[in-house]
Protein backbone atom coordinates (compact mmCIF):
# COMPACT_ATOMS: atom_id res chain seq x y z
CA MET A 1 56.57 6.48 -13.42
CA ALA A 2 54.41 3.43 -14.07
CA LYS A 3 55.16 1.47 -17.20
CA LYS A 4 52.45 1.26 -19.83
CA PRO A 5 51.16 -2.27 -20.52
CA ILE A 6 52.28 -3.92 -23.74
CA LEU A 7 49.37 -4.25 -26.17
CA PHE A 8 49.12 -6.74 -29.03
CA GLU A 9 46.86 -6.53 -32.03
CA GLY A 10 45.01 -9.59 -33.30
CA GLN A 11 43.05 -12.44 -31.74
CA GLU A 12 43.73 -14.99 -29.04
CA LEU A 13 45.33 -18.14 -30.41
CA ILE A 14 43.18 -20.36 -28.22
CA LYS A 15 39.55 -19.51 -27.53
CA SER A 16 37.83 -20.32 -24.26
CA PRO A 17 35.81 -23.53 -24.33
CA THR A 18 32.05 -23.49 -23.78
CA TYR A 19 30.83 -25.82 -21.06
CA GLY A 20 27.53 -27.70 -20.95
CA LEU A 21 25.91 -31.05 -20.13
CA LEU A 22 25.00 -34.00 -22.34
CA ARG A 23 21.27 -33.47 -22.87
CA ASN A 24 18.23 -34.96 -24.53
CA ASP A 25 18.61 -32.86 -27.66
CA ALA A 26 19.55 -33.67 -31.25
CA PHE A 27 23.26 -33.85 -30.45
CA GLY A 28 22.73 -35.93 -27.32
CA ARG A 29 20.49 -38.42 -29.10
CA GLU A 30 23.06 -38.84 -31.86
CA VAL A 31 25.77 -39.47 -29.27
CA GLN A 32 23.43 -41.98 -27.66
CA ALA A 33 22.94 -43.79 -30.97
CA GLU A 34 26.71 -43.84 -31.62
CA VAL A 35 27.49 -45.30 -28.21
CA ASN A 36 24.73 -47.89 -28.31
CA SER A 37 25.58 -49.07 -31.84
CA GLU A 38 28.77 -50.58 -30.41
CA LEU A 39 28.21 -50.92 -26.68
CA SER A 40 24.56 -51.81 -26.08
CA GLY A 41 24.11 -54.43 -23.39
CA THR A 42 27.20 -53.20 -21.49
CA PRO A 43 27.62 -50.71 -18.62
CA ALA A 44 28.51 -48.06 -21.23
CA GLU A 45 25.07 -48.21 -22.86
CA ILE A 46 23.06 -44.97 -22.75
CA LYS A 47 19.62 -46.32 -21.93
CA ALA A 48 16.39 -44.63 -22.99
CA GLY A 49 15.46 -44.04 -19.35
CA TYR A 50 18.56 -41.87 -18.85
CA PHE A 51 16.88 -39.08 -20.85
CA VAL A 52 13.86 -37.64 -19.02
CA GLY A 53 12.21 -34.70 -20.77
CA GLN A 54 13.19 -32.78 -23.87
CA ASN A 55 16.51 -30.95 -23.51
CA SER A 56 17.00 -32.23 -19.94
CA PRO A 57 20.45 -33.46 -18.80
CA MET A 58 21.24 -37.15 -19.09
CA ARG A 59 20.74 -38.70 -15.65
CA ALA A 60 23.49 -41.31 -15.50
CA SER A 61 27.25 -41.66 -15.32
CA ASN A 62 29.95 -44.22 -14.64
CA SER A 63 33.55 -44.77 -15.71
CA PHE A 64 32.57 -46.54 -18.93
CA ILE A 65 29.89 -44.04 -19.92
CA ILE A 66 32.23 -41.06 -19.56
CA TYR A 67 34.80 -42.73 -21.82
CA ALA A 68 32.19 -43.83 -24.37
CA VAL A 69 30.58 -40.39 -24.55
CA GLY A 70 33.99 -38.78 -24.99
CA GLU A 71 34.77 -40.89 -28.04
CA SER A 72 31.31 -40.53 -29.59
CA ALA A 73 31.04 -36.77 -28.99
CA ARG A 74 34.26 -36.23 -30.93
CA ARG A 75 33.02 -38.37 -33.83
CA VAL A 76 29.54 -36.83 -33.97
CA SER A 77 30.83 -33.26 -33.91
CA GLY A 78 33.51 -34.14 -36.47
CA LYS A 79 30.96 -35.51 -38.95
CA TYR A 80 29.42 -32.08 -39.30
CA GLY A 81 32.66 -30.15 -39.36
CA LYS A 82 31.77 -28.47 -36.08
CA GLN A 83 34.28 -27.34 -33.51
CA ARG A 84 35.25 -30.47 -31.60
CA VAL A 85 33.07 -31.47 -28.69
CA SER A 86 34.63 -33.55 -25.91
CA VAL A 87 33.94 -34.50 -22.32
CA MET A 88 35.08 -32.07 -19.67
CA LEU A 89 38.35 -32.79 -17.89
CA PRO A 90 38.74 -32.63 -14.09
CA GLU A 91 40.27 -29.15 -14.29
CA ASP A 92 37.29 -27.93 -16.32
CA TYR A 93 34.97 -28.84 -13.47
CA GLU A 94 37.27 -27.06 -11.04
CA LEU A 95 37.04 -23.91 -13.15
CA GLU A 96 33.25 -24.14 -12.94
CA ILE A 97 33.45 -24.58 -9.18
CA LEU A 98 35.85 -21.63 -8.92
CA ALA A 99 33.44 -19.48 -10.90
CA GLY A 100 30.45 -20.65 -8.85
CA LYS A 101 28.78 -22.05 -11.98
CA LEU A 102 28.77 -25.82 -11.49
CA PRO A 103 25.25 -26.93 -12.52
CA GLU A 104 23.20 -28.65 -9.81
CA LYS A 105 25.97 -28.29 -7.27
CA GLY A 106 25.38 -30.45 -4.22
CA LEU A 107 22.88 -32.68 -5.98
CA THR A 108 24.90 -34.51 -8.62
CA TYR A 109 28.21 -36.27 -9.25
CA ARG A 110 30.64 -36.23 -12.21
CA ASP A 111 32.89 -39.08 -13.31
CA TYR A 112 36.40 -38.04 -14.27
CA GLY A 113 37.80 -41.36 -15.45
CA THR A 114 39.86 -43.98 -13.63
CA VAL A 115 43.03 -44.35 -11.58
CA LEU A 116 45.64 -46.94 -12.53
CA ASP A 117 47.08 -47.93 -9.18
CA PHE A 118 48.30 -50.75 -6.93
CA THR A 119 45.01 -51.61 -5.21
CA GLY A 120 44.55 -54.85 -7.15
CA ARG A 121 40.97 -53.83 -8.01
CA ASN A 122 39.66 -54.87 -11.42
CA HIS A 123 43.05 -56.46 -11.93
CA ASP A 124 42.42 -58.01 -15.36
CA LEU A 125 41.25 -54.66 -16.76
CA ALA A 126 44.22 -52.89 -15.19
CA VAL A 127 46.74 -55.30 -16.73
CA HIS A 128 45.05 -55.01 -20.13
CA LEU A 129 45.22 -51.21 -19.90
CA TYR A 130 48.85 -51.23 -18.80
CA GLU A 131 49.74 -53.38 -21.80
CA GLN A 132 47.95 -50.85 -24.03
CA LEU A 133 50.09 -47.95 -22.80
CA PRO A 134 52.83 -46.57 -25.05
CA LYS A 135 56.17 -48.12 -24.12
CA GLU A 136 57.48 -44.90 -22.56
CA LEU A 137 54.53 -44.89 -20.16
CA GLN A 138 54.89 -48.52 -19.07
CA ASP A 139 56.72 -47.49 -15.92
CA LEU A 140 55.40 -48.56 -12.52
CA GLY A 141 57.14 -45.54 -11.02
CA ARG A 142 54.50 -43.33 -12.66
CA LEU A 143 51.70 -44.94 -10.66
CA PRO A 144 49.23 -44.26 -9.21
CA ALA A 145 48.06 -42.16 -12.12
CA VAL A 146 44.84 -40.56 -13.34
CA VAL A 147 43.86 -41.94 -16.76
CA LEU A 148 41.61 -39.94 -19.08
CA GLY A 149 40.24 -40.36 -22.60
CA LEU A 150 40.22 -44.16 -22.86
CA ILE A 151 38.11 -46.11 -25.37
CA PRO A 152 35.73 -48.83 -24.10
CA ARG A 153 35.33 -51.91 -26.25
CA LYS A 154 33.52 -55.20 -25.73
CA GLY A 155 35.87 -57.83 -24.33
CA ASP A 156 36.07 -60.88 -22.12
CA LYS A 157 38.45 -59.59 -19.44
CA GLY A 158 37.16 -58.62 -16.01
CA ASN A 159 33.54 -58.60 -14.89
CA PHE A 160 31.96 -55.95 -17.10
CA GLY A 161 32.11 -57.35 -20.64
CA LEU A 162 34.30 -54.37 -21.55
CA VAL A 163 37.98 -53.50 -21.80
CA LEU A 164 39.54 -50.06 -21.87
CA ASN A 165 41.96 -49.19 -24.67
CA TRP A 166 44.48 -46.39 -25.07
CA SER A 167 43.88 -43.83 -27.83
CA GLU A 168 45.46 -40.72 -29.30
CA TYR A 169 43.26 -38.68 -26.97
CA SER A 170 44.24 -40.56 -23.81
CA GLN A 171 46.23 -39.07 -20.96
CA LEU A 172 48.12 -40.65 -18.08
CA ARG A 173 48.82 -38.17 -15.28
CA SER A 174 51.03 -39.34 -12.43
CA ALA A 175 49.42 -38.50 -9.08
CA GLU A 176 51.76 -39.04 -6.13
CA ILE A 177 49.18 -37.53 -3.79
CA LEU A 178 46.95 -40.60 -4.28
CA LYS A 179 49.50 -42.59 -2.26
CA LYS A 180 48.63 -40.54 0.82
CA LYS A 181 45.89 -41.24 3.33
CA THR A 182 42.46 -39.69 2.79
CA GLY A 183 42.57 -36.05 3.84
CA THR A 184 41.20 -32.57 3.35
CA PHE A 185 42.45 -30.00 0.90
CA ASP A 186 42.06 -26.29 0.28
CA GLU A 187 39.57 -25.37 -2.43
CA LYS A 188 42.02 -22.61 -3.44
CA ASP A 189 44.84 -25.08 -4.20
CA SER A 190 46.14 -23.78 -7.53
CA LYS A 191 46.80 -27.28 -8.91
CA LEU A 192 43.05 -27.93 -9.01
CA VAL A 193 42.56 -25.70 -12.07
CA VAL A 194 45.58 -27.20 -13.80
CA GLU A 195 45.12 -30.96 -13.26
CA GLY A 196 41.90 -31.29 -11.28
CA ILE A 197 43.48 -32.78 -8.15
CA PRO A 198 45.07 -30.99 -5.18
CA SER A 199 48.77 -30.75 -4.41
CA ILE A 200 48.62 -30.77 -0.60
CA LEU A 201 46.48 -32.57 1.98
CA GLY A 202 45.97 -31.66 5.61
CA ALA A 203 43.76 -28.59 5.73
CA GLY A 204 40.73 -27.25 3.92
CA ASN A 205 37.01 -27.77 3.46
CA ARG A 206 37.05 -30.45 0.74
CA THR A 207 38.16 -34.08 0.93
CA LEU A 208 40.30 -36.28 -1.31
CA TYR A 209 39.42 -39.94 -0.73
CA THR A 210 42.30 -42.28 -1.53
CA SER A 211 42.94 -46.03 -1.39
CA THR A 212 45.64 -48.04 0.37
CA GLN A 213 48.33 -48.90 -2.16
CA GLN A 214 50.03 -52.31 -2.11
CA ASN A 215 53.63 -52.90 -3.15
CA PRO A 216 54.32 -51.57 -6.67
CA SER A 217 54.18 -54.58 -8.96
CA LEU A 218 52.32 -55.90 -11.98
CA ASP A 219 50.64 -58.42 -9.68
CA ASN A 220 49.05 -55.58 -7.71
CA LEU A 221 47.89 -53.44 -10.63
CA GLY A 222 44.40 -52.10 -10.09
CA LEU A 223 41.85 -49.80 -11.66
CA SER A 224 39.76 -47.53 -9.43
CA ARG A 225 36.96 -45.12 -10.21
CA LEU A 226 37.64 -41.37 -10.03
CA TYR A 227 34.77 -38.93 -9.61
CA LEU A 228 33.61 -35.64 -8.13
CA SER A 229 30.92 -36.25 -5.53
CA GLY A 230 27.92 -34.09 -4.73
CA ASP A 231 29.70 -32.47 -1.78
CA LEU A 232 32.69 -31.66 -4.04
CA SER A 233 34.90 -34.39 -2.58
CA ILE A 234 37.23 -36.06 -5.08
CA CYS A 235 36.94 -39.83 -4.72
CA SER A 236 39.42 -42.46 -5.89
CA GLY A 237 38.55 -45.26 -3.49
CA ASN A 238 35.82 -47.05 -5.42
CA ASP A 239 36.05 -50.24 -7.50
CA SER A 240 32.52 -49.96 -8.95
CA LEU A 241 33.37 -48.76 -12.44
CA ALA A 242 29.92 -49.68 -13.78
CA ASP A 243 27.56 -48.33 -11.11
CA SER A 244 25.35 -45.43 -12.15
CA SER A 245 22.52 -43.44 -10.62
CA SER A 246 20.16 -40.65 -11.63
CA GLY A 247 22.49 -38.18 -9.92
CA GLY A 248 25.18 -38.65 -12.58
CA ARG A 249 25.90 -35.86 -15.06
CA VAL A 250 28.24 -35.85 -18.06
CA GLY A 251 29.89 -32.52 -18.81
CA LEU A 252 30.77 -31.51 -22.38
CA LYS A 253 32.87 -28.70 -23.77
CA VAL A 254 33.07 -27.16 -27.20
CA GLY A 255 36.58 -26.18 -28.21
CA GLU A 256 40.00 -26.96 -26.87
CA ALA A 257 41.15 -26.44 -23.31
CA ASN A 258 41.95 -22.77 -22.82
CA ALA A 259 45.59 -23.11 -21.76
CA PRO A 260 46.32 -19.35 -21.47
CA ASN A 261 43.34 -18.78 -19.20
CA LEU A 262 44.11 -21.88 -17.16
CA VAL A 263 47.60 -20.59 -16.54
CA LYS A 264 46.24 -17.11 -15.79
CA VAL A 265 43.84 -18.47 -13.20
CA ALA A 266 46.49 -20.74 -11.72
CA ILE A 267 48.99 -17.87 -11.42
CA ALA A 268 46.34 -15.65 -9.84
CA LYS A 269 45.58 -18.33 -7.28
CA VAL A 270 49.27 -18.93 -6.56
CA ASN A 271 49.73 -15.18 -6.04
CA GLU A 272 46.67 -15.08 -3.80
CA ASP A 273 47.98 -18.01 -1.74
CA TYR A 274 51.40 -16.36 -1.52
CA ALA A 275 49.91 -13.05 -0.41
CA THR A 276 47.83 -14.82 2.24
CA ARG A 277 50.88 -16.66 3.55
CA GLN A 278 52.86 -13.40 3.61
CA ARG A 279 50.13 -11.71 5.66
CA GLU A 280 50.05 -14.66 8.04
CA LEU A 281 53.85 -14.58 8.37
CA GLU A 282 53.88 -10.82 8.99
CA SER A 283 51.22 -11.26 11.65
CA LEU A 284 53.25 -13.98 13.35
CA CYS A 285 56.39 -11.81 13.23
CA GLU A 286 54.55 -8.84 14.67
CA GLN A 287 53.23 -10.99 17.49
CA ALA A 288 56.71 -12.36 18.12
CA ARG A 289 58.17 -8.84 18.26
CA ALA A 290 55.45 -7.80 20.71
CA ASP A 291 56.12 -10.85 22.87
CA ILE A 292 59.88 -10.16 22.87
CA LYS A 293 59.31 -6.51 23.73
CA LYS A 294 56.94 -7.47 26.52
CA GLY A 295 59.48 -9.97 27.82
CA HIS A 296 62.28 -7.35 27.83
CA THR A 297 60.06 -4.90 29.69
CA ARG A 298 59.26 -7.45 32.36
CA ALA A 299 62.97 -8.34 32.72
CA LEU A 300 63.85 -4.66 33.19
CA GLU A 301 61.11 -4.28 35.80
CA ARG A 302 62.46 -7.26 37.75
CA PHE A 303 65.99 -5.79 37.61
CA LEU A 304 64.86 -2.39 38.90
CA ARG A 305 62.92 -4.00 41.75
CA HIS A 306 66.13 -5.63 42.96
């Protein structure tokens, strides 16, 4: 007899976030004003030409813009006591892709943040960032790592007139896979909806572009750009933190990350992958049994002929 499911009364503790794009609306223009009040004249500036048409998506993105918008969106939404607005994380985009609801798929790119690595790129900025990390994170063994939620500020290090500072909203996510050579990955990799990067390379219809890592040392610290390209490749091999084009989009979400649903989706995908592997294994075993049986039959036939 099947067991009845356990039912709970009440509401979910964590609501699903609502996803959208930074647009030319009242909220977007206030974010623009917030960013530009501190960062005008830098690569983080949200220029007037980035907004084309009322309520249209902002047409620009780079590593500095994504960080600046993240900070300003939190402040603007907080001023009005609204549920917190923040930039989307890599896993949020993967959920949109999984659901087939990524806006302008194939036509636009999304910046995720940066990778602290051993490429030596943007070395001065990388060293400054490393020195900003909490002491427990100042461990070269954690690198390369995806870094999210930084705060851009005007500064004289590097070539951009900006430095990147750690904040209470920042994250450093170790990413061993970025040490590997560029390769393809499966769009059903369950880690995508948990951390936004794959766990395995070697097969699949999407590509993770990586960079050659030098020996782990402070002298080789680097900072690379991390973004989702128009063809859904994940790219970490670019040193152009400031470059932007009209194909850039900045994703926003209202509310906190929906951890229960993320786990639910991840578990479902793991189960799906496991079931697929089981079917493949059973097929291989069946073929092996057939081959063995065929081989025994042929051996018996040879024996009887003699």
